Protein backbone atom coordinates (compact mmCIF):
# COMPACT_ATOMS: atom_id res chain seq x y z
CA MET A 1 -6.14 -36.12 21.74
CA THR A 2 -3.95 -37.13 18.80
CA SER A 3 -0.93 -35.10 17.68
CA GLN A 4 -2.87 -34.02 14.58
CA GLU A 5 -5.77 -32.79 16.74
CA HIS A 6 -3.25 -30.92 18.91
CA ARG A 7 -1.82 -29.18 15.85
CA LEU A 8 -5.26 -28.22 14.54
CA THR A 9 -6.19 -26.85 17.96
CA ASP A 10 -2.98 -24.83 17.97
CA ALA A 11 -3.78 -23.56 14.46
CA TYR A 12 -7.22 -22.36 15.53
CA LEU A 13 -5.70 -20.69 18.60
CA VAL A 14 -3.27 -18.86 16.32
CA GLY A 15 -6.17 -17.85 14.08
CA LEU A 16 -8.16 -16.61 17.07
CA THR A 17 -5.19 -14.60 18.39
CA LEU A 18 -4.61 -12.96 15.02
CA THR A 19 -8.31 -12.18 14.63
CA GLU A 20 -8.45 -10.51 18.04
CA ALA A 21 -5.38 -8.43 17.15
CA LEU A 22 -6.99 -7.28 13.90
CA LYS A 23 -10.22 -6.45 15.75
CA ALA A 24 -8.11 -4.27 18.06
CA ASP A 25 -7.04 -2.30 14.95
CA GLN A 26 -3.55 -3.77 14.71
CA SER A 27 -2.10 -4.16 11.24
CA LEU A 28 -1.63 -7.67 9.90
CA CYS A 29 2.16 -7.31 9.96
CA THR A 30 2.15 -6.13 13.56
CA ALA A 31 -0.19 -8.96 14.58
CA LEU A 32 2.07 -11.56 12.96
CA ARG A 33 5.26 -10.04 14.32
CA THR A 34 3.99 -10.05 17.91
CA LEU A 35 2.22 -13.42 17.63
CA GLU A 36 3.29 -15.87 20.32
CA GLY A 37 2.32 -18.96 18.41
CA PRO A 38 3.01 -22.55 19.44
CA PHE A 39 5.57 -22.91 16.67
CA ASP A 40 7.70 -25.30 18.71
CA SER A 41 5.07 -27.97 18.09
CA LEU A 42 5.87 -27.86 14.36
CA ASN A 43 8.66 -29.89 12.80
CA ASP A 44 11.47 -28.19 10.90
CA GLY A 45 12.03 -30.45 7.90
CA TYR A 46 15.66 -29.38 7.63
CA PRO A 47 18.15 -31.00 10.03
CA GLU A 48 20.30 -28.82 12.29
CA TRP A 49 23.28 -29.13 9.97
CA HIS A 50 21.30 -27.86 6.97
CA PRO A 51 22.77 -24.55 5.67
CA ALA A 52 19.35 -22.83 5.41
CA PRO A 53 20.00 -19.19 6.46
CA HIS A 54 16.39 -18.41 7.36
CA SER A 55 14.88 -19.24 10.74
CA PHE A 56 12.09 -21.80 10.72
CA GLU A 57 9.76 -19.63 12.83
CA GLY A 58 10.40 -16.60 10.63
CA MET A 59 9.47 -18.63 7.56
CA VAL A 60 6.28 -19.89 9.25
CA ARG A 61 5.25 -16.28 9.96
CA LEU A 62 6.15 -15.19 6.41
CA LEU A 63 4.18 -18.00 4.78
CA LEU A 64 1.26 -17.33 7.13
CA TYR A 65 1.37 -13.77 5.76
CA ARG A 66 1.40 -15.12 2.21
CA GLU A 67 -1.60 -17.38 2.84
CA LEU A 68 -3.50 -14.54 4.53
CA THR A 69 -2.85 -12.00 1.76
CA GLY A 70 -2.79 -14.26 -1.28
CA GLU A 71 0.55 -12.79 -2.39
CA SER A 72 2.61 -14.80 -4.85
CA TYR A 73 6.15 -15.96 -4.10
CA ARG A 74 7.33 -13.48 -6.71
CA SER A 75 5.59 -10.49 -5.12
CA LEU A 76 6.88 -11.42 -1.65
CA ALA A 77 10.42 -11.37 -2.97
CA GLN A 78 9.90 -7.85 -4.31
CA TYR A 79 9.35 -6.33 -0.86
CA PRO A 80 12.53 -6.64 1.22
CA GLU A 81 11.03 -4.49 4.01
CA LEU A 82 9.02 -7.53 5.13
CA ALA A 83 12.26 -9.12 6.31
CA VAL A 84 12.34 -6.78 9.31
CA VAL A 85 8.74 -7.64 10.17
CA PHE A 86 9.41 -11.38 10.26
CA ASP A 87 12.93 -11.22 11.72
CA LEU A 88 14.65 -12.57 8.62
CA GLU A 89 17.97 -11.41 7.22
CA LYS A 90 16.26 -10.90 3.86
CA ILE A 91 13.17 -12.05 1.98
CA PRO A 92 14.04 -15.31 0.20
CA ASP A 93 13.64 -15.56 -3.55
CA GLU A 94 10.85 -17.51 -5.28
CA SER A 95 12.74 -20.80 -5.46
CA VAL A 96 13.63 -20.76 -1.75
CA LEU A 97 10.04 -19.95 -0.77
CA SER A 98 8.75 -22.74 -2.96
CA ARG A 99 11.25 -25.27 -1.58
CA THR A 100 10.42 -24.22 1.97
CA TRP A 101 6.73 -24.88 1.42
CA ARG A 102 7.26 -28.19 -0.42
CA ASN A 103 10.30 -29.62 1.39
CA ARG A 104 11.01 -27.84 4.67
CA PHE A 105 7.36 -27.76 5.76
CA ASP A 106 5.83 -31.19 6.20
CA GLU A 107 2.14 -31.87 5.58
CA ALA A 108 1.26 -31.06 9.19
CA THR A 109 2.98 -27.64 9.03
CA ARG A 110 1.30 -26.79 5.74
CA GLU A 111 -2.06 -27.75 7.25
CA PHE A 112 -1.28 -25.64 10.33
CA VAL A 113 -0.57 -22.55 8.17
CA THR A 114 -3.63 -22.92 5.92
CA THR A 115 -6.00 -23.73 8.80
CA ALA A 116 -4.93 -20.71 10.85
CA ALA A 117 -4.93 -18.36 7.85
CA HIS A 118 -8.31 -19.49 6.50
CA TYR A 119 -9.91 -19.12 9.93
CA VAL A 120 -8.71 -15.50 10.05
CA ILE A 121 -9.86 -14.75 6.48
CA LYS A 122 -13.37 -16.04 7.18
CA GLU A 123 -13.62 -14.20 10.50
CA VAL A 124 -12.41 -10.93 8.95
CA HIS A 125 -15.06 -11.00 6.24
CA ASP A 126 -17.89 -12.55 8.26
CA ARG A 127 -17.42 -10.06 11.12
CA ASP A 128 -16.53 -7.05 8.94
CA ILE A 129 -13.15 -6.49 10.59
CA SER A 130 -11.02 -3.78 9.00
CA ALA A 131 -8.04 -5.65 7.56
CA PRO A 132 -7.46 -4.52 3.96
CA GLU A 133 -4.38 -6.73 3.53
CA VAL A 134 -6.42 -9.92 4.01
CA ARG A 135 -7.42 -11.66 0.77
CA PRO A 136 -11.09 -12.06 -0.29
CA LYS A 137 -12.99 -14.92 1.33
CA ALA A 138 -14.07 -16.17 -2.10
CA GLU A 139 -10.48 -17.20 -2.83
CA ILE A 140 -10.43 -19.84 -0.09
CA VAL A 141 -13.91 -21.35 -0.08
CA ASP A 142 -14.80 -24.19 -2.44
CA ASP A 143 -17.67 -24.18 -4.89
CA GLU A 144 -19.97 -26.06 -2.53
CA GLN A 145 -19.41 -23.54 0.26
CA GLU A 146 -19.95 -20.65 -2.13
CA ALA A 147 -23.25 -22.09 -3.31
CA ALA A 148 -24.41 -22.48 0.29
CA ASP A 149 -23.34 -18.98 1.32
CA PRO A 150 -26.32 -16.56 1.21
CA VAL A 151 -23.95 -13.62 0.78
CA GLU A 152 -23.23 -14.91 -2.73
CA ASP A 153 -26.84 -14.10 -3.71
CA ASN A 154 -25.57 -10.56 -4.27
CA SER A 155 -22.76 -11.55 -6.63
CA PHE A 156 -22.15 -9.41 -9.70
CA SER A 157 -22.46 -10.47 -13.30
CA GLN A 158 -19.54 -10.03 -15.69
CA GLU A 159 -21.58 -7.45 -17.59
CA GLU A 160 -22.16 -5.42 -14.41
CA ILE A 161 -18.45 -5.47 -13.70
CA ILE A 162 -17.57 -4.41 -17.25
CA GLN A 163 -20.14 -1.59 -17.24
CA THR A 164 -18.92 -0.27 -13.92
CA THR A 165 -15.29 -0.49 -15.03
CA ARG A 166 -16.14 1.56 -18.11
CA LEU A 167 -17.87 4.12 -15.91
CA ALA A 168 -14.73 4.42 -13.78
CA ARG A 169 -12.56 4.64 -16.88
CA ASP A 170 -14.75 7.40 -18.36
CA HIS A 171 -14.07 9.53 -15.29
CA ALA A 172 -10.30 8.95 -15.37
CA PHE A 173 -8.56 9.57 -18.66
CA GLY A 174 -10.27 12.67 -20.05
CA HIS A 175 -8.06 15.14 -18.15
CA PHE A 176 -4.77 14.11 -19.74
CA ASP A 177 -3.61 15.80 -22.92
CA SER A 178 -0.21 15.24 -24.50
CA GLY A 179 -0.54 18.43 -26.58
CA ARG A 180 0.19 16.49 -29.76
CA ALA A 181 -1.23 17.66 -33.09
CA SER A 182 -4.87 16.85 -33.77
CA ASN A 183 -3.93 14.99 -36.95
CA ALA A 184 -1.49 12.67 -35.18
CA SER A 185 -1.61 9.02 -36.21
CA TYR A 186 -2.75 7.85 -32.79
CA GLU A 187 -5.07 9.42 -30.22
CA ASP A 188 -3.92 9.80 -26.61
CA THR A 189 -6.43 7.12 -25.60
CA GLN A 190 -4.53 4.53 -27.63
CA PHE A 191 -1.37 5.25 -25.66
CA PHE A 192 -3.36 4.92 -22.41
CA GLU A 193 -4.64 1.59 -23.68
CA LEU A 194 -1.14 0.30 -24.44
CA GLN A 195 0.11 1.57 -21.07
CA THR A 196 -2.69 -0.32 -19.33
CA PHE A 197 -1.78 -3.51 -21.16
CA MET A 198 1.89 -3.08 -20.23
CA GLY A 199 0.94 -2.70 -16.58
CA MET A 200 -1.38 -5.68 -16.82
CA VAL A 201 1.29 -8.05 -18.16
CA HIS A 202 4.10 -6.33 -16.23
CA CYS A 203 6.41 -5.86 -19.20
CA GLY A 204 8.47 -3.15 -20.89
CA THR A 205 7.55 -0.86 -23.76
CA ALA A 206 9.06 -2.76 -26.70
CA GLN A 207 7.76 -6.15 -25.60
CA GLY A 208 4.38 -4.72 -24.56
CA ALA A 209 3.85 -2.95 -27.90
CA THR A 210 4.75 -6.07 -29.87
CA ARG A 211 2.42 -8.29 -27.85
CA PHE A 212 -0.38 -5.74 -28.00
CA GLN A 213 -0.06 -5.37 -31.78
CA TYR A 214 -0.20 -9.14 -32.12
CA ARG A 215 -3.40 -9.11 -30.07
CA HIS A 216 -5.17 -6.16 -31.72
CA GLY A 217 -3.47 -5.58 -35.06
CA GLU A 218 -0.38 -3.67 -36.14
CA GLU A 219 -2.37 -0.75 -37.54
CA TYR A 220 -4.35 -0.22 -34.34
CA SER A 221 -1.56 0.21 -31.77
CA PRO A 222 1.63 2.36 -31.80
CA HIS A 223 5.14 0.90 -31.83
CA GLY A 224 7.18 1.00 -28.64
CA ASP A 225 9.39 3.92 -29.71
CA THR A 226 6.29 5.89 -30.79
CA HIS A 227 4.78 5.24 -27.38
CA LEU A 228 7.84 6.54 -25.55
CA ARG A 229 7.96 9.67 -27.71
CA ALA A 230 4.29 10.35 -26.92
CA VAL A 231 4.82 9.79 -23.19
CA LYS A 232 7.60 12.38 -23.20
CA GLN A 233 5.12 14.96 -24.54
CA PHE A 234 3.27 14.95 -21.21
CA ASP A 235 4.69 17.85 -19.20
CA PRO A 236 5.38 16.72 -15.59
CA GLU A 237 3.45 19.60 -14.04
CA GLU A 238 0.51 19.08 -16.39
CA LEU A 239 0.61 15.36 -15.64
CA VAL A 240 0.25 16.00 -11.90
CA ASN A 241 -2.51 18.55 -12.60
CA GLY A 242 -4.31 16.00 -14.75
CA PHE A 243 -4.07 13.50 -11.90
CA ASN A 244 -5.62 16.05 -9.52
CA GLU A 245 -8.52 16.75 -11.89
CA THR A 246 -9.10 13.05 -12.40
CA THR A 247 -9.11 12.48 -8.63
CA ASP A 248 -11.78 15.15 -8.29
CA ARG A 249 -13.92 13.41 -10.91
CA LEU A 250 -13.47 10.02 -9.27
CA LEU A 251 -14.50 11.36 -5.87
CA SER A 252 -17.50 13.16 -7.34
CA VAL A 253 -18.85 9.77 -8.39
CA ILE A 254 -19.04 8.61 -4.76
CA ALA A 255 -19.81 12.00 -3.18
CA SER A 256 -23.39 11.02 -2.32
CA GLU A 257 -22.57 7.60 -0.88
CA ALA A 258 -23.23 7.52 2.85
CA SER A 259 -20.61 4.81 3.35
CA PHE A 260 -17.90 7.26 2.28
CA ARG A 261 -16.90 8.87 5.57
CA ARG A 262 -15.80 12.49 5.97
CA PRO A 263 -13.55 13.92 7.26
CA VAL A 264 -10.87 11.35 6.44
CA THR A 265 -7.75 9.92 8.01
CA ALA A 266 -4.84 10.18 5.58
CA ALA A 267 -1.37 8.66 5.37
CA ILE A 268 1.63 10.37 3.77
CA ASP A 269 4.57 8.28 2.70
CA ILE A 270 7.38 8.07 0.15
CA THR A 271 7.84 5.07 -2.12
CA THR A 272 10.85 4.19 -4.24
CA ILE A 273 11.22 2.81 -7.76
CA PRO A 274 14.72 1.25 -8.01
CA TYR A 275 17.15 2.64 -10.59
CA TYR A 276 20.31 0.80 -11.61
CA GLY A 277 21.91 3.00 -14.28
CA GLU A 278 24.49 5.78 -14.19
CA VAL A 279 23.53 8.66 -11.90
CA GLU A 280 25.56 11.44 -13.49
CA GLY A 281 23.16 14.08 -14.77
CA MET A 282 20.18 12.38 -13.08
CA PRO A 283 18.86 15.01 -10.60
CA MET A 284 15.62 13.10 -9.89
CA VAL A 285 17.49 9.97 -8.77
CA SER A 286 18.06 9.77 -5.00
CA GLY A 287 19.94 7.57 -2.59
CA THR A 288 18.10 5.01 -0.45
CA LYS A 289 18.46 3.51 3.02
CA ASP A 290 20.68 0.91 1.42
CA ARG A 291 23.93 2.87 1.06
CA ASP A 292 24.50 1.68 -2.50
CA GLY A 293 20.84 1.84 -3.57
CA ARG A 294 19.50 4.38 -6.08
CA ALA A 295 15.85 5.12 -6.84
CA PHE A 296 13.23 7.51 -8.13
CA LYS A 297 11.07 8.66 -5.21
CA PHE A 298 7.42 9.69 -5.11
CA ALA A 299 5.46 11.06 -2.15
CA THR A 300 1.76 10.25 -1.90
CA LEU A 301 -1.22 11.00 0.31
CA SER A 302 -3.79 8.23 0.73
CA ILE A 303 -7.15 7.84 2.38
CA ILE A 304 -6.93 5.03 4.95
CA GLY A 305 -9.00 3.62 7.81
CA ARG A 306 -12.67 2.72 7.34
CA ASN A 307 -13.00 4.28 3.90
CA ILE A 308 -12.51 3.46 0.24
CA PRO A 309 -8.69 3.40 -0.10
CA LEU A 310 -7.66 5.95 -2.74
CA LEU A 311 -4.49 7.91 -3.40
CA LEU A 312 -5.49 11.57 -3.51
CA ALA A 313 -2.19 13.26 -4.32
CA VAL A 314 1.18 12.45 -5.90
CA GLU A 315 4.30 14.58 -5.57
CA PRO A 316 7.72 13.90 -7.16
CA VAL A 317 10.55 13.97 -4.61
CA ARG A 318 13.72 15.83 -5.58
CA GLU A 319 16.58 15.39 -3.12
CA SER A 320 20.13 16.65 -2.97
CA SER A 321 22.68 14.01 -3.86
CA GLU A 322 26.43 13.89 -4.44
CA TRP A 323 25.87 13.68 -8.22
CA ASP A 324 23.65 16.80 -8.58
CA GLU A 325 23.26 20.37 -7.36
CA ASN A 326 19.77 20.04 -5.93
CA PRO A 327 18.99 22.05 -2.79
CA SER A 328 18.29 20.08 0.37
CA ASN A 329 14.90 18.42 0.29
CA GLN A 330 12.36 20.55 2.16
CA ILE A 331 10.07 17.71 3.21
CA HIS A 332 7.60 20.06 4.91
CA ARG A 333 6.93 21.73 1.55
CA THR A 334 6.15 18.35 0.02
CA VAL A 335 3.74 17.69 2.89
CA ARG A 336 2.06 21.06 2.41
CA ARG A 337 1.50 20.50 -1.32
CA LEU A 338 0.09 17.01 -0.74
CA VAL A 339 -2.35 18.12 1.95
CA GLN A 340 -3.48 21.21 0.05
CA ARG A 341 -4.19 19.17 -3.06
CA ALA A 342 -6.02 16.48 -1.10
CA GLU A 343 -8.16 19.02 0.75
CA GLU A 344 -9.47 20.27 -2.58
CA HIS A 345 -11.34 16.97 -2.64
CA VAL A 346 -12.10 16.00 0.99
CA PRO A 347 -11.59 17.46 4.47
CA ILE A 348 -8.73 15.81 6.35
CA GLU A 349 -9.01 15.18 10.07
CA THR A 350 -5.75 13.39 10.88
CA VAL A 351 -2.51 12.73 9.01
CA LEU A 352 -0.29 9.75 9.82
CA CYS A 353 3.34 9.81 8.66
CA ASP A 354 6.31 7.58 9.34
CA ARG A 355 9.51 8.53 11.17
CA GLU A 356 10.98 10.00 7.99
CA PHE A 357 8.66 12.98 8.56
CA ASP A 358 9.81 13.62 12.14
CA SER A 359 10.57 17.33 11.74
CA ILE A 360 9.40 20.39 13.62
CA ARG A 361 8.79 22.09 10.26
CA VAL A 362 6.50 19.24 9.23
CA PHE A 363 4.69 19.51 12.58
CA GLN A 364 4.19 23.24 12.14
CA THR A 365 3.15 22.89 8.50
CA LEU A 366 0.40 20.46 9.48
CA SER A 367 -0.66 22.68 12.36
CA ASN A 368 -0.85 25.68 10.00
CA LEU A 369 -3.05 23.60 7.70
CA ASP A 370 -5.36 22.94 10.67
CA VAL A 371 -5.04 19.15 10.53
CA ASN A 372 -4.16 16.78 13.35
CA TYR A 373 -1.04 14.64 13.13
CA LEU A 374 0.37 11.50 14.68
CA ILE A 375 4.02 10.88 13.81
CA PRO A 376 6.58 8.59 15.49
CA LYS A 377 9.56 10.43 16.97
CA ARG A 378 13.22 9.60 16.67
CA VAL A 379 14.59 9.12 20.19
CA SER A 380 17.02 11.91 21.08
CA ARG A 381 18.62 12.76 24.42
CA SER A 382 15.53 14.48 25.86
CA GLU A 383 13.27 11.50 24.96
CA ARG A 384 15.88 9.14 26.40
CA ASP A 385 15.78 11.01 29.69
CA VAL A 386 12.00 10.57 29.88
CA LEU A 387 12.31 6.87 29.07
CA GLU A 388 14.87 6.40 31.84
CA GLN A 389 12.58 8.16 34.33
CA MET A 390 9.62 6.01 33.23
CA ASP A 391 11.73 2.93 33.85
CA LYS A 392 12.62 4.13 37.35
CA ASP A 393 8.97 4.91 38.12
CA ASN A 394 7.78 1.64 36.57
CA GLN A 395 5.52 3.55 34.15
CA GLU A 396 4.24 2.09 30.90
CA VAL A 397 2.65 5.27 29.56
CA ALA A 398 3.63 8.94 29.82
CA VAL A 399 2.58 12.18 28.15
CA GLU A 400 4.92 15.16 27.96
CA SER A 401 3.87 18.68 26.93
CA ALA A 402 6.09 20.46 24.43
CA SER A 403 5.92 23.26 21.89
CA VAL A 404 7.12 23.97 18.37
CA HIS A 405 8.67 27.32 17.42
CA VAL A 406 9.81 27.91 13.83
CA GLU A 407 9.76 30.87 11.46
CA SER A 408 6.35 29.86 10.09
CA GLY A 409 4.66 29.83 13.50
CA SER A 410 4.33 27.93 16.75
CA HIS A 411 1.91 25.57 18.45
CA PRO A 412 1.66 23.35 21.55
CA MET A 413 2.18 19.62 21.07
CA ARG A 414 2.49 16.46 23.11
CA LEU A 415 4.92 13.58 23.13
CA LEU A 416 3.20 10.26 23.83
CA TYR A 417 5.23 7.42 25.33
CA VAL A 418 3.36 4.13 24.89
CA PRO A 419 4.24 0.40 24.78
CA SER A 420 5.52 -0.55 21.35
CA THR A 421 3.20 -2.77 19.32
CA SER A 422 6.20 -4.99 18.62
CA GLY A 423 6.12 -5.95 22.29
CA GLU A 424 9.59 -4.57 22.87
CA GLY A 425 10.26 -1.26 24.58
CA THR A 426 8.41 2.03 24.32
CA ALA A 427 7.37 3.95 21.21
CA VAL A 428 7.33 7.76 21.14
CA PHE A 429 4.81 9.72 19.07
CA ALA A 430 4.29 13.43 18.42
CA THR A 431 0.80 14.90 18.10
CA ASN A 432 -0.87 18.31 18.23
CA LEU A 433 -3.99 16.88 19.91
CA ARG A 434 -4.70 17.15 23.62
CA VAL A 435 -4.23 13.51 24.60
CA GLY A 436 -4.01 12.44 28.23
CA PRO A 437 -2.16 9.47 29.75
CA ASP A 438 -5.37 7.41 30.06
CA GLU A 439 -6.09 7.58 26.34
CA ALA A 440 -2.57 7.78 24.87
CA GLU A 441 -2.10 4.08 24.17
CA ALA A 442 -5.49 3.65 22.51
CA PHE A 443 -4.96 6.82 20.48
CA CYS A 444 -1.57 5.64 19.19
CA GLN A 445 -3.07 2.36 18.03
CA ARG A 446 -4.59 4.37 15.19
CA TYR A 447 -1.11 4.50 13.73
CA SER A 448 -1.34 0.83 12.77
CA ARG A 449 -3.76 1.86 10.01
CA ARG A 450 -0.79 3.35 8.16
CA TRP A 451 0.17 -0.18 7.13
CA GLN A 452 -2.59 0.09 4.51
CA ILE A 453 -0.36 2.35 2.44
CA GLU A 454 2.25 -0.41 2.21
CA SER A 455 -0.44 -2.67 0.76
CA GLU A 456 -1.32 0.07 -1.73
CA TYR A 457 2.27 0.45 -2.86
CA LYS A 458 2.59 -3.30 -3.31
CA SER A 459 -0.50 -3.36 -5.51
CA ILE A 460 0.53 -0.30 -7.54
CA LYS A 461 4.02 -1.64 -8.22
CA GLY A 462 3.04 -5.30 -8.51
CA ASP A 463 -0.24 -5.09 -10.43
CA PHE A 464 -0.30 -1.81 -12.36
CA LEU A 465 3.23 -0.46 -12.95
CA ALA A 466 4.74 -1.22 -16.36
CA LYS A 467 8.45 -1.97 -16.56
CA THR A 468 10.93 0.51 -17.98
CA SER A 469 14.67 1.11 -17.85
CA SER A 470 14.34 4.64 -19.26
CA LYS A 471 16.57 7.33 -17.75
CA ASP A 472 14.06 10.01 -18.80
CA TYR A 473 12.20 11.26 -15.74
CA ARG A 474 9.14 12.16 -17.81
CA VAL A 475 8.73 8.48 -18.64
CA ARG A 476 9.24 7.41 -15.02
CA LEU A 477 6.69 9.94 -13.72
CA PHE A 478 4.12 9.03 -16.37
CA TYR A 479 4.43 5.32 -15.62
CA PHE A 480 4.02 5.84 -11.87
CA VAL A 481 1.12 8.31 -12.11
CA PHE A 482 -0.65 6.03 -14.58
CA ALA A 483 -0.20 3.04 -12.26
CA VAL A 484 -1.73 5.05 -9.39
CA LEU A 485 -4.65 5.97 -11.65
CA LEU A 486 -5.29 2.32 -12.47
CA TYR A 487 -5.15 1.48 -8.76
CA ASN A 488 -7.72 4.19 -8.02
CA ILE A 489 -9.96 2.94 -10.85
CA TRP A 490 -9.79 -0.55 -9.39
CA ARG A 491 -10.82 0.71 -5.98
CA LEU A 492 -13.55 2.98 -7.36
CA THR A 493 -14.93 0.15 -9.49
CA ASP A 494 -15.06 -2.13 -6.47
CA PHE A 495 -16.80 0.60 -4.44
CA LEU A 496 -19.41 1.21 -7.14
CA LEU A 497 -20.12 -2.49 -7.49
CA LYS A 498 -20.84 -2.74 -3.78
CA ALA A 499 -22.70 0.56 -3.35
CA ASP A 500 -26.01 -0.88 -4.60
CA VAL A 501 -25.88 -3.94 -2.37
CA ASP A 502 -28.09 -3.60 0.70
CA ASN A 503 -25.45 -4.79 3.12
CA GLU A 504 -22.91 -2.96 5.21
CA MET A 505 -19.93 -2.01 3.04
CA ASP A 506 -17.26 -4.72 2.83
CA TYR A 507 -13.88 -3.22 2.04
CA ALA A 508 -12.23 -6.39 0.78
CA PRO A 509 -12.31 -6.10 -3.04
CA VAL A 510 -14.80 -8.22 -4.97
CA LEU A 511 -12.78 -7.58 -8.11
CA THR A 512 -9.09 -8.49 -8.15
CA ALA A 513 -6.55 -5.95 -9.34
CA GLY A 514 -5.60 -8.13 -12.30
CA GLU A 515 -9.23 -8.52 -13.40
CA CYS A 516 -9.75 -4.78 -13.23
CA VAL A 517 -6.67 -3.99 -15.32
CA GLU A 518 -7.74 -6.45 -17.98
CA LEU A 519 -11.26 -5.01 -18.07
CA VAL A 520 -9.97 -1.44 -18.31
CA ALA A 521 -7.71 -2.43 -21.20
CA SER A 522 -10.49 -4.27 -23.03
CA SER A 523 -13.07 -1.52 -22.45
CA LEU A 524 -10.75 1.06 -23.99
CA ILE A 525 -10.81 -0.91 -27.23
CA PRO A 526 -13.60 0.41 -29.49
CA HIS A 527 -16.27 -2.07 -30.56
CA ASP A 528 -16.54 -3.09 -34.21
């Protein structure tokens, strides 16, 4: 066997290993992080003395992720949290990623990455494996393969896509009212249209308004300062209420679809929008994990798992900081509001949260709401004692009974000690379900589905969120809520397009986010 044949065999073995991990309900990031690939057979194009700060293997894993997801170099650079996943000091910028692919990776390494990734993409879609991060199969097959693929017989015409996008749009924007006078120069819909365009081209208000006027005429579209003044008319509470009403309308469209599963598994998380200005007098700006970082924060609840991925609830996060007089953030109250709003639309079976929500008040709040939870625990002294005993007894899995007692009530819970999906050490989870040692590890694997919310945030911020440097929180909230709406419209449109196809539902989108944004913007423009 030649060296090239060896490399291709290794690539297919990597693809097979990743596919099996995804079939076992691991997230793509977890599968790549724990992958024991034959990377030593690949050649690092940089000599040992080269000052490249990033490990060769880490870059191979990162660029495998890029090929699997279809992310651009630019979007990879926007998500520094991926550095931890791939054991890099930081995510390199666009120029470094490009040079790595062109110069550091030789032809054989590039072929290794694409072969492994394309094998996984085809397997995911051909075998209907739940892996929402993986890019559509159509993006990697050539025209000849597409023509020979019988699945393509059910492709959608441009007119079908446009009609369905308009249907989704018609259910989305009617519940938002700025309260401006009825004789105002521009209707609210025209501001929504401009906001969509700004999200589509990923630009700021002044530039977006100028470009949009050039495209559609100066008389048709408002100026940038007019747009900002209109946005500030949307009361934050009314904006969130409008989002809730719109969510109800969107879900009513798919209420009769059998492929929409109830009750749902939901993920709660907090995302950040960086802020770089002065913080004095900015009560809605919070600190971040980076000691010097500042950001606006938004909590969301999303449907995840084997369902249409939608964000059901948005909640602004207001934290106490050294530059304001805010009370301490009561995270359990945020959780309660999110779940209560979401349950107006669908019943929730299980909620997955990250370690930031490790709080007995959060546990009790979820118990009081009669929903199950699975939340990773911070390791304190009592958990450390259990881990030491497990090590002495040579145990891989343990279940400890515990109970929560707070002023709002009490309930029994369990602490699950299971092997970490990273392959290192033991992870500890809290749950209010009766889970025994024999089923604990399989039950905790459900937590890997929470990675879907990271993919959602990337799409919202990368595909739908317009740029702004405004210090006004009303503007920041409007921009974020509107970006979430566009994301939901994209997902609803994709669901509706597939609902009439007589095949099992495929959850990889047939319509890209960028295509959907452009169609929404164009369908808002009245016909001559």
